[in-house]
Amino acid sequence: MILAARASLLAAALAWLAACIPIPYKPSATAAPDAAVVVAPETVVSCGEDEATEALAKKIAARDRTVTVATRQDLAAVAFPNGDSTVGELTDPALRSRISGQSRIAYLVLLGDVTETETSRHGGFIPLLGAGTWTSRTDVSACIIDLTDGRMLTGVSAATEARSSGVIYGFYGVFLVPLSESSVYDAVADSVVAAIRAKTPQGEVTIAIARATGLQESPCPGGENCQVESPGPVPAN
């Protein structure tokens, strides 16, 4: 009896999920150079398999074919032989020289973690019935380290605010689903390419992308009236 009841519930849940129709869309996102992005020498940097860094690499390569993104394996072999590292270790002159010499990597792009904050909610749902809409803000920060001197070329903050909504009637539902992470990575890619080309206007450029845990986003996502003190570039070793 218990197994039969569980099977019935599972079948009902699968039927409901099959009847729900997601409608994905990409909201607009903005990114801009941000002097308030903080990267400290002790910031942990990893080069493992990561969907976010891989997505950003593809977006950057699509925007400028003369910008080559080093493979994760190539970067790991020369810069991460013992696993995770730190910004301080990666900007050490000896390691920087080895990275640029062996892999010809000129810039290291560090990507922070995505944060998502719900900003409003209206409506609600009860079993098999309801309608609602909610908005959320998605933020991500990044920075570019110039491996010629170990200093931060620029910080980047990207954000989007998107609306999600859904309607459920019986076993049917329709949901509007924003692809917010993809949008902020698009914006970061645009900003990264622009910053690199401002410093190196012509020629082939090789970069690498890694994940930075604890990379601080701007404390001023609201805009112009917020006053912050810039932490400055990563100190050269």
Protein backbone atom coordinates (compact mmCIF):
# COMPACT_ATOMS: atom_id res chain seq x y z
CA MET A 1 0.00 0.00 0.00
CA ILE A 2 2.76 2.44 0.95
CA LEU A 3 4.76 1.64 -2.17
CA ALA A 4 1.68 2.04 -4.32
CA ALA A 5 0.90 5.41 -2.75
CA ARG A 6 4.45 6.61 -3.31
CA ALA A 7 4.34 5.45 -6.90
CA SER A 8 1.09 7.34 -7.45
CA LEU A 9 2.53 10.54 -5.96
CA LEU A 10 5.65 10.22 -8.09
CA ALA A 11 3.58 9.66 -11.22
CA ALA A 12 1.45 12.71 -10.40
CA ALA A 13 4.54 14.85 -9.80
CA LEU A 14 6.11 13.76 -13.08
CA ALA A 15 2.87 14.44 -14.94
CA TRP A 16 2.69 17.92 -13.43
CA LEU A 17 6.31 18.68 -14.32
CA ALA A 18 5.75 17.47 -17.87
CA ALA A 19 2.76 19.78 -18.21
CA CYS A 20 4.67 22.87 -17.00
CA ILE A 21 6.00 25.02 -19.83
CA PRO A 22 9.11 27.14 -19.12
CA ILE A 23 9.60 30.18 -21.33
CA PRO A 24 13.24 31.31 -21.04
CA TYR A 25 14.40 34.81 -21.94
CA LYS A 26 17.57 36.84 -21.52
CA PRO A 27 17.19 40.09 -19.59
CA SER A 28 19.49 42.99 -20.37
CA ALA A 29 22.55 43.35 -18.16
CA THR A 30 25.12 46.07 -17.64
CA ALA A 31 28.78 45.92 -16.71
CA ALA A 32 31.28 48.65 -16.09
CA PRO A 33 34.81 49.14 -14.77
CA ASP A 34 34.62 49.27 -10.98
CA ALA A 35 37.48 50.54 -8.83
CA ALA A 36 35.66 49.26 -5.74
CA VAL A 37 36.12 45.60 -6.65
CA VAL A 38 38.47 44.20 -4.01
CA VAL A 39 41.01 41.47 -4.68
CA ALA A 40 43.35 40.70 -1.81
CA PRO A 41 46.59 38.65 -1.92
CA GLU A 42 44.90 35.94 0.16
CA THR A 43 41.95 35.61 -2.22
CA VAL A 44 41.64 31.91 -3.15
CA VAL A 45 41.84 31.10 -6.85
CA SER A 46 40.85 27.73 -8.32
CA CYS A 47 41.19 26.25 -11.78
CA GLY A 48 38.97 23.19 -11.61
CA GLU A 49 36.08 22.30 -13.89
CA ASP A 50 33.67 25.20 -13.71
CA GLU A 51 30.66 25.94 -15.92
CA ALA A 52 30.80 29.67 -15.23
CA THR A 53 34.42 30.19 -16.32
CA GLU A 54 33.89 27.97 -19.35
CA ALA A 55 30.82 29.98 -20.35
CA LEU A 56 32.72 33.25 -19.95
CA ALA A 57 35.63 31.90 -22.00
CA LYS A 58 33.31 31.04 -24.89
CA LYS A 59 31.65 34.46 -24.77
CA ILE A 60 34.98 36.30 -24.78
CA ALA A 61 36.33 34.21 -27.67
CA ALA A 62 33.15 34.91 -29.66
CA ARG A 63 33.58 38.66 -29.23
CA ASP A 64 37.21 38.92 -30.33
CA ARG A 65 38.78 36.07 -32.27
CA THR A 66 42.25 37.50 -31.69
CA VAL A 67 41.82 36.97 -27.95
CA THR A 68 42.79 33.38 -27.19
CA VAL A 69 41.59 31.86 -23.93
CA ALA A 70 44.07 29.33 -22.55
CA THR A 71 42.58 25.96 -21.70
CA ARG A 72 41.95 25.10 -18.09
CA GLN A 73 44.42 22.22 -18.39
CA ASP A 74 47.20 24.47 -19.70
CA LEU A 75 46.68 27.00 -16.93
CA ALA A 76 46.46 24.33 -14.23
CA ALA A 77 49.66 22.65 -15.36
CA VAL A 78 51.79 25.77 -15.03
CA ALA A 79 50.03 27.78 -12.30
CA PHE A 80 48.13 25.26 -10.17
CA PRO A 81 50.34 22.17 -9.82
CA ASN A 82 49.17 21.62 -6.23
CA GLY A 83 45.51 22.56 -6.57
CA ASP A 84 44.03 25.88 -5.46
CA SER A 85 46.27 28.92 -5.20
CA THR A 86 45.97 32.53 -4.06
CA VAL A 87 46.28 35.87 -5.81
CA GLY A 88 49.46 36.53 -3.87
CA GLU A 89 51.06 33.32 -5.14
CA LEU A 90 49.91 33.89 -8.72
CA THR A 91 51.33 37.42 -8.78
CA ASP A 92 54.71 36.31 -7.45
CA PRO A 93 57.29 37.46 -10.05
CA ALA A 94 58.77 33.99 -10.57
CA LEU A 95 55.39 32.36 -11.18
CA ARG A 96 54.16 35.25 -13.34
CA SER A 97 57.24 34.89 -15.49
CA ARG A 98 56.67 31.16 -15.83
CA ILE A 99 52.99 31.61 -16.73
CA SER A 100 53.68 34.25 -19.38
CA GLY A 101 56.76 32.46 -20.67
CA GLN A 102 55.43 28.94 -20.96
CA SER A 103 51.80 29.69 -21.82
CA ARG A 104 52.15 33.22 -23.29
CA ILE A 105 49.30 34.35 -21.02
CA ALA A 106 49.23 38.13 -20.74
CA TYR A 107 46.15 38.61 -18.54
CA LEU A 108 44.48 36.57 -15.84
CA VAL A 109 40.74 37.13 -15.52
CA LEU A 110 39.30 36.24 -12.11
CA LEU A 111 35.58 35.61 -11.92
CA GLY A 112 33.72 35.92 -8.62
CA ASP A 113 30.60 34.11 -7.46
CA VAL A 114 27.17 35.08 -8.73
CA THR A 115 24.83 36.49 -6.10
CA GLU A 116 21.07 36.68 -6.49
CA THR A 117 18.72 38.75 -4.34
CA GLU A 118 14.94 38.76 -4.54
CA THR A 119 13.73 42.35 -4.66
CA SER A 120 9.94 41.95 -4.84
CA ARG A 121 7.18 39.33 -4.89
CA HIS A 122 3.49 39.49 -5.74
CA GLY A 123 0.82 36.81 -5.77
CA GLY A 124 1.20 33.26 -4.56
CA PHE A 125 0.55 29.59 -5.14
CA ILE A 126 -1.49 26.87 -3.50
CA PRO A 127 -1.54 23.25 -4.66
CA LEU A 128 -2.47 23.13 -8.35
CA LEU A 129 -3.58 26.75 -8.47
CA GLY A 130 -2.04 30.21 -8.36
CA ALA A 131 -0.27 33.02 -10.13
CA GLY A 132 2.67 35.10 -9.10
CA THR A 133 5.47 37.32 -10.22
CA TRP A 134 8.76 38.21 -8.56
CA THR A 135 11.86 40.16 -9.45
CA SER A 136 15.45 39.44 -8.52
CA ARG A 137 18.80 41.13 -8.95
CA THR A 138 21.79 39.10 -10.15
CA ASP A 139 25.32 40.41 -9.62
CA VAL A 140 28.80 39.17 -10.42
CA SER A 141 32.22 40.76 -10.15
CA ALA A 142 35.44 40.08 -12.00
CA CYS A 143 38.89 41.55 -12.27
CA ILE A 144 41.74 41.48 -14.76
CA ILE A 145 45.32 41.04 -13.56
CA ASP A 146 48.10 42.14 -15.89
CA LEU A 147 50.76 39.44 -15.59
CA THR A 148 53.52 41.78 -16.80
CA ASP A 149 53.52 43.58 -13.44
CA GLY A 150 51.09 41.57 -11.27
CA ARG A 151 48.74 44.51 -10.81
CA MET A 152 45.00 44.70 -11.33
CA LEU A 153 44.21 46.27 -14.68
CA THR A 154 40.58 46.86 -13.74
CA GLY A 155 37.70 45.49 -11.73
CA VAL A 156 34.33 44.82 -13.35
CA SER A 157 30.86 44.71 -11.83
CA ALA A 158 27.90 43.35 -13.79
CA ALA A 159 24.25 43.25 -12.80
CA THR A 160 20.79 42.56 -14.13
CA GLU A 161 17.33 42.77 -12.62
CA ALA A 162 14.82 40.35 -14.08
CA ARG A 163 11.21 39.38 -13.63
CA SER A 164 10.01 35.81 -13.18
CA SER A 165 6.36 34.84 -13.28
CA GLY A 166 4.18 31.79 -13.37
CA VAL A 167 0.61 30.59 -13.64
CA ILE A 168 -0.63 27.20 -12.45
CA TYR A 169 -4.07 25.81 -13.15
CA GLY A 170 -4.63 22.20 -12.27
CA PHE A 171 -1.86 20.11 -13.77
CA TYR A 172 -0.80 22.82 -16.21
CA GLY A 173 1.59 25.69 -15.70
CA VAL A 174 3.49 28.32 -17.61
CA PHE A 175 6.60 29.96 -16.18
CA LEU A 176 8.66 32.91 -17.45
CA VAL A 177 12.29 32.07 -16.62
CA PRO A 178 15.09 34.67 -16.95
CA LEU A 179 18.56 33.50 -17.97
CA SER A 180 20.14 36.02 -15.66
CA GLU A 181 23.54 34.35 -15.22
CA SER A 182 24.06 34.13 -18.96
CA SER A 183 23.19 37.82 -19.27
CA VAL A 184 25.70 38.98 -16.65
CA TYR A 185 28.41 36.82 -18.22
CA ASP A 186 27.64 38.48 -21.57
CA ALA A 187 28.12 41.87 -19.94
CA VAL A 188 31.35 40.80 -18.23
CA ALA A 189 32.70 39.45 -21.54
CA ASP A 190 32.04 42.78 -23.27
CA SER A 191 33.74 44.72 -20.48
CA VAL A 192 36.76 42.38 -20.30
CA VAL A 193 37.40 42.56 -24.05
CA ALA A 194 37.06 46.36 -24.00
CA ALA A 195 39.53 46.70 -21.11
CA ILE A 196 42.09 44.37 -22.69
CA ARG A 197 41.86 46.12 -26.05
CA ALA A 198 42.23 49.50 -24.38
CA LYS A 199 45.56 48.29 -22.94
CA THR A 200 46.61 46.18 -25.95
CA PRO A 201 44.89 47.69 -29.00
CA GLN A 202 46.24 45.29 -31.64
CA GLY A 203 47.58 41.80 -32.09
CA GLU A 204 46.96 38.38 -30.66
CA VAL A 205 46.42 38.25 -26.90
CA THR A 206 46.26 35.16 -24.72
CA ILE A 207 44.32 35.27 -21.48
CA ALA A 208 43.30 32.79 -18.81
CA ILE A 209 40.17 32.64 -16.70
CA ALA A 210 39.89 31.24 -13.17
CA ARG A 211 37.43 31.34 -10.31
CA ALA A 212 38.15 33.63 -7.34
CA THR A 213 36.41 32.78 -4.08
CA GLY A 214 35.60 35.84 -2.02
CA LEU A 215 36.16 38.37 -4.78
CA GLN A 216 34.21 41.29 -3.35
CA GLU A 217 31.57 42.91 -5.48
CA SER A 218 31.13 46.65 -5.45
CA PRO A 219 29.56 47.96 -2.23
CA CYS A 220 27.83 50.58 -4.41
CA PRO A 221 25.53 48.66 -6.79
CA GLY A 222 23.01 51.47 -6.40
CA GLY A 223 25.06 54.01 -8.26
CA GLU A 224 26.54 57.46 -8.18
CA ASN A 225 25.85 58.78 -4.68
CA CYS A 226 27.62 55.99 -2.81
CA GLN A 227 31.08 56.97 -1.56
CA VAL A 228 33.75 54.27 -1.32
CA GLU A 229 37.48 54.19 -0.92
CA SER A 230 39.23 52.34 -3.70
CA PRO A 231 41.51 49.56 -2.43
CA GLY A 232 43.92 50.10 -5.33
CA PRO A 233 45.65 47.43 -7.40
CA VAL A 234 47.06 44.14 -6.23
CA PRO A 235 50.52 44.98 -4.87
CA ALA A 236 53.38 43.86 -7.05
CA ASN A 237 55.66 41.33 -5.41
